[in-house]
Every structure is written in structure tokens, then in C-alpha cells.
Amino acid sequence: AVFAQNSDPDQLPDKERLGWRLYEQSCSICHTKPNLVLGQFGPVLSRESLNGRPELVREVIANGTPRMPGFKHHFAPAEIDAIAAYLQTLPPAEKR
């Protein structure tokens, strides 16, 4: 099942719900627009991020990029997997 970003997280399976919680705690600060005035730092994430390849999503979360720190010392591998699984539930951002 695919869930919209604003869906009730209680409806997500356990793994994706854990991913949602971790995403909200550590990722949303850069990957969601904080309010109408401030800009967003990182790209909007969805099931299409990194060409829809969860293995690449896990690698980027673990090792980072030049603009994003890696989280392999912050998250256990199962937690990184949960975040990647949660991102697979998110539809692509609407084009403006």
C-alpha cells in the first residue's frame, strides 16, 4: 500500500512507522519546508528519490553527500532500512 506524506502514520506497517518517526526526528528539518517564509535546505524526498532505488537511499543516509552528513553512526542499519522503507510510501512532489 502507498500512503501520502500526510497520511496517518498509525496506518503504516511497523517498519515504515519507525521510518516515519526517525524521518520526522532527524530528516524533516532539512527535507521539508519549515513554514511559508523560510526556504527548504534539502530536496523533497519520495519513492522516486535516487531513481526509486532504495539501496541508493540507504547508502546516502548512511554515508551522506557533500551537502548532507552521513548517519551510519547515528542510526542502526535496521533504522536506515526503516527510513528507506518509509520514503517508498511517499508520492513524488507535485510539479509547480
PDB file of N, CA and C in Angstrom:
ATOM      1  N   ALA A   1       0.833  -1.192   0.000  1.00  0.00           N
ATOM      2  CA  ALA A   1       0.000   0.000   0.000  1.00  0.00           C
ATOM      3  C   ALA A   1       0.870   1.244   0.000  1.00  0.00           C
ATOM      4  N   VAL A   2       0.407   2.256  -0.650  1.00  0.00           N
ATOM      5  CA  VAL A   2       1.132   3.516  -0.716  1.00  0.00           C
ATOM      6  C   VAL A   2       0.367   4.535   0.113  1.00  0.00           C
ATOM      7  N   PHE A   3       1.089   5.282   0.907  1.00  0.00           N
ATOM      8  CA  PHE A   3       0.477   6.268   1.788  1.00  0.00           C
ATOM      9  C   PHE A   3       0.987   7.650   1.428  1.00  0.00           C
ATOM     10  N   ALA A   4       0.136   8.622   1.437  1.00  0.00           N
ATOM     11  CA  ALA A   4       0.545  10.001   1.184  1.00  0.00           C
ATOM     12  C   ALA A   4       1.342  10.513   2.377  1.00  0.00           C
ATOM     13  N   GLN A   5       2.158  11.507   2.125  1.00  0.00           N
ATOM     14  CA  GLN A   5       3.029  12.038   3.164  1.00  0.00           C
ATOM     15  C   GLN A   5       2.248  12.497   4.392  1.00  0.00           C
ATOM     16  N   ASN A   6       1.049  12.990   4.211  1.00  0.00           N
ATOM     17  CA  ASN A   6       0.276  13.467   5.348  1.00  0.00           C
ATOM     18  C   ASN A   6      -0.681  12.417   5.890  1.00  0.00           C
ATOM     19  N   SER A   7      -0.540  11.169   5.471  1.00  0.00           N
ATOM     20  CA  SER A   7      -1.405  10.109   5.976  1.00  0.00           C
ATOM     21  C   SER A   7      -1.126   9.854   7.445  1.00  0.00           C
ATOM     22  N   ASP A   8      -2.070   9.205   8.059  1.00  0.00           N
ATOM     23  CA  ASP A   8      -1.938   8.844   9.458  1.00  0.00           C
ATOM     24  C   ASP A   8      -0.821   7.816   9.610  1.00  0.00           C
ATOM     25  N   PRO A   9       0.258   8.148  10.303  1.00  0.00           N
ATOM     26  CA  PRO A   9       1.357   7.191  10.456  1.00  0.00           C
ATOM     27  C   PRO A   9       0.945   5.920  11.192  1.00  0.00           C
ATOM     28  N   ASP A  10      -0.139   5.991  11.966  1.00  0.00           N
ATOM     29  CA  ASP A  10      -0.612   4.793  12.655  1.00  0.00           C
ATOM     30  C   ASP A  10      -1.120   3.738  11.677  1.00  0.00           C
ATOM     31  N   GLN A  11      -1.384   4.142  10.447  1.00  0.00           N
ATOM     32  CA  GLN A  11      -1.852   3.210   9.422  1.00  0.00           C
ATOM     33  C   GLN A  11      -0.690   2.525   8.691  1.00  0.00           C
ATOM     34  N   LEU A  12       0.520   2.995   8.933  1.00  0.00           N
ATOM     35  CA  LEU A  12       1.690   2.392   8.285  1.00  0.00           C
ATOM     36  C   LEU A  12       2.057   1.080   8.966  1.00  0.00           C
ATOM     37  N   PRO A  13       2.643   0.141   8.215  1.00  0.00           N
ATOM     38  CA  PRO A  13       3.195  -1.066   8.852  1.00  0.00           C
ATOM     39  C   PRO A  13       4.307  -0.668   9.831  1.00  0.00           C
ATOM     40  N   ASP A  14       4.651  -1.551  10.736  1.00  0.00           N
ATOM     41  CA  ASP A  14       5.616  -1.235  11.803  1.00  0.00           C
ATOM     42  C   ASP A  14       6.929  -0.660  11.291  1.00  0.00           C
ATOM     43  N   LYS A  15       7.524  -1.283  10.286  1.00  0.00           N
ATOM     44  CA  LYS A  15       8.820  -0.825   9.781  1.00  0.00           C
ATOM     45  C   LYS A  15       8.717   0.591   9.231  1.00  0.00           C
ATOM     46  N   GLU A  16       7.700   0.858   8.419  1.00  0.00           N
ATOM     47  CA  GLU A  16       7.524   2.180   7.842  1.00  0.00           C
ATOM     48  C   GLU A  16       7.162   3.215   8.899  1.00  0.00           C
ATOM     49  N   ARG A  17       6.404   2.799   9.928  1.00  0.00           N
ATOM     50  CA  ARG A  17       6.078   3.720  11.020  1.00  0.00           C
ATOM     51  C   ARG A  17       7.337   4.113  11.779  1.00  0.00           C
ATOM     52  N   LEU A  18       8.247   3.169  12.019  1.00  0.00           N
ATOM     53  CA  LEU A  18       9.536   3.501  12.638  1.00  0.00           C
ATOM     54  C   LEU A  18      10.294   4.469  11.733  1.00  0.00           C
ATOM     55  N   GLY A  19      10.304   4.200  10.433  1.00  0.00           N
ATOM     56  CA  GLY A  19      10.972   5.093   9.486  1.00  0.00           C
ATOM     57  C   GLY A  19      10.386   6.488   9.511  1.00  0.00           C
ATOM     58  N   TRP A  20       9.052   6.579   9.605  1.00  0.00           N
ATOM     59  CA  TRP A  20       8.399   7.887   9.696  1.00  0.00           C
ATOM     60  C   TRP A  20       8.878   8.633  10.935  1.00  0.00           C
ATOM     61  N   ARG A  21       8.892   7.934  12.076  1.00  0.00           N
ATOM     62  CA  ARG A  21       9.306   8.582  13.329  1.00  0.00           C
ATOM     63  C   ARG A  21      10.741   9.094  13.232  1.00  0.00           C
ATOM     64  N   LEU A  22      11.651   8.269  12.715  1.00  0.00           N
ATOM     65  CA  LEU A  22      13.053   8.671  12.577  1.00  0.00           C
ATOM     66  C   LEU A  22      13.200   9.817  11.578  1.00  0.00           C
ATOM     67  N   TYR A  23      12.448   9.738  10.481  1.00  0.00           N
ATOM     68  CA  TYR A  23      12.466  10.807   9.475  1.00  0.00           C
ATOM     69  C   TYR A  23      12.021  12.125  10.107  1.00  0.00           C
ATOM     70  N   GLU A  24      10.915  12.090  10.838  1.00  0.00           N
ATOM     71  CA  GLU A  24      10.403  13.306  11.477  1.00  0.00           C
ATOM     72  C   GLU A  24      11.409  13.882  12.472  1.00  0.00           C
ATOM     73  N   GLN A  25      12.107  13.021  13.190  1.00  0.00           N
ATOM     74  CA  GLN A  25      13.058  13.471  14.207  1.00  0.00           C
ATOM     75  C   GLN A  25      14.350  14.007  13.613  1.00  0.00           C
ATOM     76  N   SER A  26      14.837  13.411  12.528  1.00  0.00           N
ATOM     77  CA  SER A  26      16.188  13.733  12.064  1.00  0.00           C
ATOM     78  C   SER A  26      16.294  14.239  10.630  1.00  0.00           C
ATOM     79  N   CYS A  27      15.320  13.976   9.794  1.00  0.00           N
ATOM     80  CA  CYS A  27      15.444  14.295   8.367  1.00  0.00           C
ATOM     81  C   CYS A  27      14.560  15.469   7.941  1.00  0.00           C
ATOM     82  N   SER A  28      13.390  15.564   8.555  1.00  0.00           N
ATOM     83  CA  SER A  28      12.416  16.562   8.096  1.00  0.00           C
ATOM     84  C   SER A  28      12.913  17.989   8.272  1.00  0.00           C
ATOM     85  N   ILE A  29      13.850  18.226   9.172  1.00  0.00           N
ATOM     86  CA  ILE A  29      14.364  19.573   9.396  1.00  0.00           C
ATOM     87  C   ILE A  29      14.957  20.154   8.111  1.00  0.00           C
ATOM     88  N   CYS A  30      15.539  19.304   7.272  1.00  0.00           N
ATOM     89  CA  CYS A  30      16.118  19.768   6.006  1.00  0.00           C
ATOM     90  C   CYS A  30      15.276  19.404   4.786  1.00  0.00           C
ATOM     91  N   HIS A  31      14.493  18.344   4.892  1.00  0.00           N
ATOM     92  CA  HIS A  31      13.810  17.825   3.713  1.00  0.00           C
ATOM     93  C   HIS A  31      12.325  18.184   3.631  1.00  0.00           C
ATOM     94  N   THR A  32      11.860  19.061   4.519  1.00  0.00           N
ATOM     95  CA  THR A  32      10.511  19.606   4.395  1.00  0.00           C
ATOM     96  C   THR A  32      10.588  21.113   4.588  1.00  0.00           C
ATOM     97  N   LYS A  33       9.664  21.818   3.996  1.00  0.00           N
ATOM     98  CA  LYS A  33       9.632  23.278   4.119  1.00  0.00           C
ATOM     99  C   LYS A  33       9.098  23.619   5.503  1.00  0.00           C
ATOM    100  N   PRO A  34       9.895  24.361   6.307  1.00  0.00           N
ATOM    101  CA  PRO A  34       9.501  24.617   7.690  1.00  0.00           C
ATOM    102  C   PRO A  34       8.289  25.530   7.847  1.00  0.00           C
ATOM    103  N   ASN A  35       8.114  26.474   6.936  1.00  0.00           N
ATOM    104  CA  ASN A  35       6.970  27.388   7.003  1.00  0.00           C
ATOM    105  C   ASN A  35       6.858  28.133   5.678  1.00  0.00           C
ATOM    106  N   LEU A  36       5.944  29.050   5.595  1.00  0.00           N
ATOM    107  CA  LEU A  36       5.724  29.768   4.335  1.00  0.00           C
ATOM    108  C   LEU A  36       6.839  30.742   3.987  1.00  0.00           C
ATOM    109  N   VAL A  37       7.605  31.188   4.978  1.00  0.00           N
ATOM    110  CA  VAL A  37       8.616  32.212   4.757  1.00  0.00           C
ATOM    111  C   VAL A  37       9.993  31.617   4.455  1.00  0.00           C
ATOM    112  N   LEU A  38      10.398  30.634   5.234  1.00  0.00           N
ATOM    113  CA  LEU A  38      11.729  30.066   5.081  1.00  0.00           C
ATOM    114  C   LEU A  38      11.792  29.072   3.936  1.00  0.00           C
ATOM    115  N   GLY A  39      12.964  28.980   3.351  1.00  0.00           N
ATOM    116  CA  GLY A  39      13.177  28.013   2.285  1.00  0.00           C
ATOM    117  C   GLY A  39      13.497  26.642   2.845  1.00  0.00           C
ATOM    118  N   GLN A  40      13.554  25.693   1.954  1.00  0.00           N
ATOM    119  CA  GLN A  40      13.876  24.313   2.317  1.00  0.00           C
ATOM    120  C   GLN A  40      15.325  24.052   1.933  1.00  0.00           C
ATOM    121  N   PHE A  41      16.086  23.386   2.790  1.00  0.00           N
ATOM    122  CA  PHE A  41      17.502  23.169   2.541  1.00  0.00           C
ATOM    123  C   PHE A  41      17.746  21.994   1.602  1.00  0.00           C
ATOM    124  N   GLY A  42      17.163  20.844   1.906  1.00  0.00           N
ATOM    125  CA  GLY A  42      17.392  19.642   1.109  1.00  0.00           C
ATOM    126  C   GLY A  42      16.245  19.377   0.157  1.00  0.00           C
ATOM    127  N   PRO A  43      16.420  18.433  -0.758  1.00  0.00           N
ATOM    128  CA  PRO A  43      15.351  18.120  -1.699  1.00  0.00           C
ATOM    129  C   PRO A  43      14.185  17.417  -1.018  1.00  0.00           C
ATOM    130  N   VAL A  44      13.004  17.558  -1.628  1.00  0.00           N
ATOM    131  CA  VAL A  44      11.830  16.808  -1.187  1.00  0.00           C
ATOM    132  C   VAL A  44      12.103  15.344  -1.504  1.00  0.00           C
ATOM    133  N   LEU A  45      11.818  14.468  -0.574  1.00  0.00           N
ATOM    134  CA  LEU A  45      12.078  13.046  -0.764  1.00  0.00           C
ATOM    135  C   LEU A  45      10.781  12.296  -1.035  1.00  0.00           C
ATOM    136  N   SER A  46      10.894  11.226  -1.838  1.00  0.00           N
ATOM    137  CA  SER A  46       9.731  10.403  -2.169  1.00  0.00           C
ATOM    138  C   SER A  46      10.211   9.036  -2.640  1.00  0.00           C
ATOM    139  N   ARG A  47       9.263   8.224  -3.082  1.00  0.00           N
ATOM    140  CA  ARG A  47       9.612   6.907  -3.613  1.00  0.00           C
ATOM    141  C   ARG A  47      10.424   7.014  -4.901  1.00  0.00           C
ATOM    142  N   GLU A  48      10.452   8.198  -5.521  1.00  0.00           N
ATOM    143  CA  GLU A  48      11.241   8.392  -6.737  1.00  0.00           C
ATOM    144  C   GLU A  48      12.634   8.948  -6.469  1.00  0.00           C
ATOM    145  N   SER A  49      12.954   9.246  -5.213  1.00  0.00           N
ATOM    146  CA  SER A  49      14.289   9.757  -4.890  1.00  0.00           C
ATOM    147  C   SER A  49      15.349   8.749  -5.309  1.00  0.00           C
ATOM    148  N   LEU A  50      16.437   9.264  -5.859  1.00  0.00           N
ATOM    149  CA  LEU A  50      17.548   8.428  -6.336  1.00  0.00           C
ATOM    150  C   LEU A  50      17.049   7.341  -7.284  1.00  0.00           C
ATOM    151  N   ASN A  51      16.197   7.764  -8.211  1.00  0.00           N
ATOM    152  CA  ASN A  51      15.627   6.881  -9.235  1.00  0.00           C
ATOM    153  C   ASN A  51      14.836   5.724  -8.657  1.00  0.00           C
ATOM    154  N   GLY A  52      14.262   5.927  -7.461  1.00  0.00           N
ATOM    155  CA  GLY A  52      13.438   4.886  -6.853  1.00  0.00           C
ATOM    156  C   GLY A  52      14.219   3.667  -6.401  1.00  0.00           C
ATOM    157  N   ARG A  53      15.502   3.839  -6.152  1.00  0.00           N
ATOM    158  CA  ARG A  53      16.354   2.704  -5.760  1.00  0.00           C
ATOM    159  C   ARG A  53      16.646   2.764  -4.253  1.00  0.00           C
ATOM    160  N   PRO A  54      15.920   1.973  -3.458  1.00  0.00           N
ATOM    161  CA  PRO A  54      16.096   2.009  -2.003  1.00  0.00           C
ATOM    162  C   PRO A  54      17.528   1.720  -1.558  1.00  0.00           C
ATOM    163  N   GLU A  55      18.261   0.907  -2.299  1.00  0.00           N
ATOM    164  CA  GLU A  55      19.650   0.625  -1.912  1.00  0.00           C
ATOM    165  C   GLU A  55      20.507   1.886  -1.993  1.00  0.00           C
ATOM    166  N   LEU A  56      20.230   2.768  -2.950  1.00  0.00           N
ATOM    167  CA  LEU A  56      20.958   4.037  -3.023  1.00  0.00           C
ATOM    168  C   LEU A  56      20.528   4.977  -1.914  1.00  0.00           C
ATOM    169  N   VAL A  57      19.236   4.957  -1.587  1.00  0.00           N
ATOM    170  CA  VAL A  57      18.737   5.779  -0.481  1.00  0.00           C
ATOM    171  C   VAL A  57      19.440   5.366   0.815  1.00  0.00           C
ATOM    172  N   ARG A  58      19.526   4.072   1.059  1.00  0.00           N
ATOM    173  CA  ARG A  58      20.207   3.586   2.276  1.00  0.00           C
ATOM    174  C   ARG A  58      21.674   4.018   2.292  1.00  0.00           C
ATOM    175  N   GLU A  59      22.332   3.942   1.146  1.00  0.00           N
ATOM    176  CA  GLU A  59      23.744   4.337   1.063  1.00  0.00           C
ATOM    177  C   GLU A  59      23.929   5.820   1.370  1.00  0.00           C
ATOM    178  N   VAL A  60      23.058   6.663   0.816  1.00  0.00           N
ATOM    179  CA  VAL A  60      23.160   8.104   1.074  1.00  0.00           C
ATOM    180  C   VAL A  60      22.859   8.417   2.533  1.00  0.00           C
ATOM    181  N   ILE A  61      21.848   7.781   3.102  1.00  0.00           N
ATOM    182  CA  ILE A  61      21.549   8.015   4.520  1.00  0.00           C
ATOM    183  C   ILE A  61      22.755   7.616   5.368  1.00  0.00           C
ATOM    184  N   ALA A  62      23.343   6.492   5.086  1.00  0.00           N
ATOM    185  CA  ALA A  62      24.473   6.002   5.879  1.00  0.00           C
ATOM    186  C   ALA A  62      25.722   6.861   5.699  1.00  0.00           C
ATOM    187  N   ASN A  63      26.068   7.161   4.451  1.00  0.00           N
ATOM    188  CA  ASN A  63      27.364   7.791   4.161  1.00  0.00           C
ATOM    189  C   ASN A  63      27.296   9.272   3.865  1.00  0.00           C
ATOM    190  N   GLY A  64      26.106   9.795   3.613  1.00  0.00           N
ATOM    191  CA  GLY A  64      25.962  11.216   3.348  1.00  0.00           C
ATOM    192  C   GLY A  64      26.372  11.605   1.946  1.00  0.00           C
ATOM    193  N   THR A  65      26.380  12.910   1.712  1.00  0.00           N
ATOM    194  CA  THR A  65      26.785  13.526   0.446  1.00  0.00           C
ATOM    195  C   THR A  65      27.624  14.745   0.807  1.00  0.00           C
ATOM    196  N   PRO A  66      28.156  15.462  -0.179  1.00  0.00           N
ATOM    197  CA  PRO A  66      28.888  16.689   0.170  1.00  0.00           C
ATOM    198  C   PRO A  66      28.053  17.706   0.952  1.00  0.00           C
ATOM    199  N   ARG A  67      26.715  17.682   0.778  1.00  0.00           N
ATOM    200  CA  ARG A  67      25.859  18.645   1.477  1.00  0.00           C
ATOM    201  C   ARG A  67      25.109  18.050   2.655  1.00  0.00           C
ATOM    202  N   MET A  68      25.205  16.740   2.861  1.00  0.00           N
ATOM    203  CA  MET A  68      24.433  16.075   3.917  1.00  0.00           C
ATOM    204  C   MET A  68      25.358  15.161   4.719  1.00  0.00           C
ATOM    205  N   PRO A  69      25.274  15.232   6.037  1.00  0.00           N
ATOM    206  CA  PRO A  69      26.103  14.315   6.829  1.00  0.00           C
ATOM    207  C   PRO A  69      25.601  12.874   6.716  1.00  0.00           C
ATOM    208  N   GLY A  70      26.488  11.934   6.897  1.00  0.00           N
ATOM    209  CA  GLY A  70      26.091  10.534   6.970  1.00  0.00           C
ATOM    210  C   GLY A  70      25.550  10.221   8.359  1.00  0.00           C
ATOM    211  N   PHE A  71      24.687   9.223   8.433  1.00  0.00           N
ATOM    212  CA  PHE A  71      24.039   8.877   9.694  1.00  0.00           C
ATOM    213  C   PHE A  71      24.355   7.456  10.144  1.00  0.00           C
ATOM    214  N   LYS A  72      25.413   6.835   9.577  1.00  0.00           N
ATOM    215  CA  LYS A  72      25.712   5.447   9.940  1.00  0.00           C
ATOM    216  C   LYS A  72      26.147   5.297  11.397  1.00  0.00           C
ATOM    217  N   HIS A  73      26.596   6.370  12.001  1.00  0.00           N
ATOM    218  CA  HIS A  73      26.962   6.297  13.426  1.00  0.00           C
ATOM    219  C   HIS A  73      25.813   6.746  14.317  1.00  0.00           C
ATOM    220  N   HIS A  74      24.760   7.238  13.723  1.00  0.00           N
ATOM    221  CA  HIS A  74      23.587   7.713  14.461  1.00  0.00           C
ATOM    222  C   HIS A  74      22.459   6.677  14.432  1.00  0.00           C
ATOM    223  N   PHE A  75      22.274   6.047  13.266  1.00  0.00           N
ATOM    224  CA  PHE A  75      21.208   5.058  13.082  1.00  0.00           C
ATOM    225  C   PHE A  75      21.797   3.666  12.902  1.00  0.00           C
ATOM    226  N   ALA A  76      21.134   2.681  13.465  1.00  0.00           N
ATOM    227  CA  ALA A  76      21.484   1.277  13.215  1.00  0.00           C
ATOM    228  C   ALA A  76      21.059   0.931  11.789  1.00  0.00           C
ATOM    229  N   PRO A  77      21.667  -0.095  11.175  1.00  0.00           N
ATOM    230  CA  PRO A  77      21.261  -0.488   9.821  1.00  0.00           C
ATOM    231  C   PRO A  77      19.754  -0.729   9.681  1.00  0.00           C
ATOM    232  N   ALA A  78      19.122  -1.326  10.670  1.00  0.00           N
ATOM    233  CA  ALA A  78      17.668  -1.563  10.604  1.00  0.00           C
ATOM    234  C   ALA A  78      16.897  -0.242  10.600  1.00  0.00           C
ATOM    235  N   GLU A  79      17.406   0.771  11.280  1.00  0.00           N
ATOM    236  CA  GLU A  79      16.743   2.075  11.286  1.00  0.00           C
ATOM    237  C   GLU A  79      16.892   2.763   9.929  1.00  0.00           C
ATOM    238  N   ILE A  80      18.059   2.643   9.318  1.00  0.00           N
ATOM    239  CA  ILE A  80      18.266   3.184   7.972  1.00  0.00           C
ATOM    240  C   ILE A  80      17.326   2.485   6.995  1.00  0.00           C
ATOM    241  N   ASP A  81      17.203   1.171   7.120  1.00  0.00           N
ATOM    242  CA  ASP A  81      16.260   0.423   6.281  1.00  0.00           C
ATOM    243  C   ASP A  81      14.833   0.916   6.482  1.00  0.00           C
ATOM    244  N   ALA A  82      14.470   1.222   7.725  1.00  0.00           N
ATOM    245  CA  ALA A  82      13.114   1.689   8.027  1.00  0.00           C
ATOM    246  C   ALA A  82      12.861   3.056   7.385  1.00  0.00           C
ATOM    247  N   ILE A  83      13.837   3.943   7.427  1.00  0.00           N
ATOM    248  CA  ILE A  83      13.675   5.257   6.786  1.00  0.00           C
ATOM    249  C   ILE A  83      13.509   5.080   5.282  1.00  0.00           C
ATOM    250  N   ALA A  84      14.348   4.237   4.682  1.00  0.00           N
ATOM    251  CA  ALA A  84      14.237   3.980   3.243  1.00  0.00           C
ATOM    252  C   ALA A  84      12.867   3.383   2.903  1.00  0.00           C
ATOM    253  N   ALA A  85      12.368   2.487   3.740  1.00  0.00           N
ATOM    254  CA  ALA A  85      11.050   1.887   3.519  1.00  0.00           C
ATOM    255  C   ALA A  85       9.960   2.944   3.637  1.00  0.00           C
ATOM    256  N   TYR A  86      10.075   3.839   4.602  1.00  0.00           N
ATOM    257  CA  TYR A  86       9.091   4.915   4.739  1.00  0.00           C
ATOM    258  C   TYR A  86       9.086   5.801   3.502  1.00  0.00           C
ATOM    259  N   LEU A  87      10.270   6.159   2.999  1.00  0.00           N
ATOM    260  CA  LEU A  87      10.328   7.015   1.818  1.00  0.00           C
ATOM    261  C   LEU A  87       9.646   6.367   0.620  1.00  0.00           C
ATOM    262  N   GLN A  88       9.628   5.048   0.575  1.00  0.00           N
ATOM    263  CA  GLN A  88       8.953   4.338  -0.514  1.00  0.00           C
ATOM    264  C   GLN A  88       7.441   4.508  -0.445  1.00  0.00           C
ATOM    265  N   THR A  89       6.918   4.985   0.668  1.00  0.00           N
ATOM    266  CA  THR A  89       5.474   5.210   0.788  1.00  0.00           C
ATOM    267  C   THR A  89       5.072   6.609   0.340  1.00  0.00           C
ATOM    268  N   LEU A  90       6.057   7.468   0.081  1.00  0.00           N
ATOM    269  CA  LEU A  90       5.761   8.869  -0.236  1.00  0.00           C
ATOM    270  C   LEU A  90       5.620   9.090  -1.731  1.00  0.00           C
ATOM    271  N   PRO A  91       4.530   9.720  -2.159  1.00  0.00           N
ATOM    272  CA  PRO A  91       4.384  10.030  -3.580  1.00  0.00           C
ATOM    273  C   PRO A  91       5.358  11.138  -3.966  1.00  0.00           C
ATOM    274  N   PRO A  92       5.655  11.231  -5.256  1.00  0.00           N
ATOM    275  CA  PRO A  92       6.533  12.318  -5.712  1.00  0.00           C
ATOM    276  C   PRO A  92       5.880  13.685  -5.445  1.00  0.00           C
ATOM    277  N   ALA A  93       6.726  14.680  -5.273  1.00  0.00           N
ATOM    278  CA  ALA A  93       6.216  16.041  -5.059  1.00  0.00           C
ATOM    279  C   ALA A  93       5.496  16.526  -6.315  1.00  0.00           C
ATOM    280  N   GLU A  94       4.475  17.293  -6.109  1.00  0.00           N
ATOM    281  CA  GLU A  94       3.746  17.868  -7.253  1.00  0.00           C
ATOM    282  C   GLU A  94       4.621  18.905  -7.934  1.00  0.00           C
ATOM    283  N   LYS A  95       4.620  18.896  -9.246  1.00  0.00           N
ATOM    284  CA  LYS A  95       5.390  19.884 -10.027  1.00  0.00           C
ATOM    285  C   LYS A  95       4.647  21.207 -10.012  1.00  0.00           C
ATOM    286  N   ARG A  96       5.414  22.280  -9.916  1.00  0.00           N
ATOM    287  CA  ARG A  96       4.800  23.623  -9.907  1.00  0.00           C
ATOM    288  C   ARG A  96       5.142  24.348 -11.171  1.00  0.00           C
TER     289      ARG A  96
END
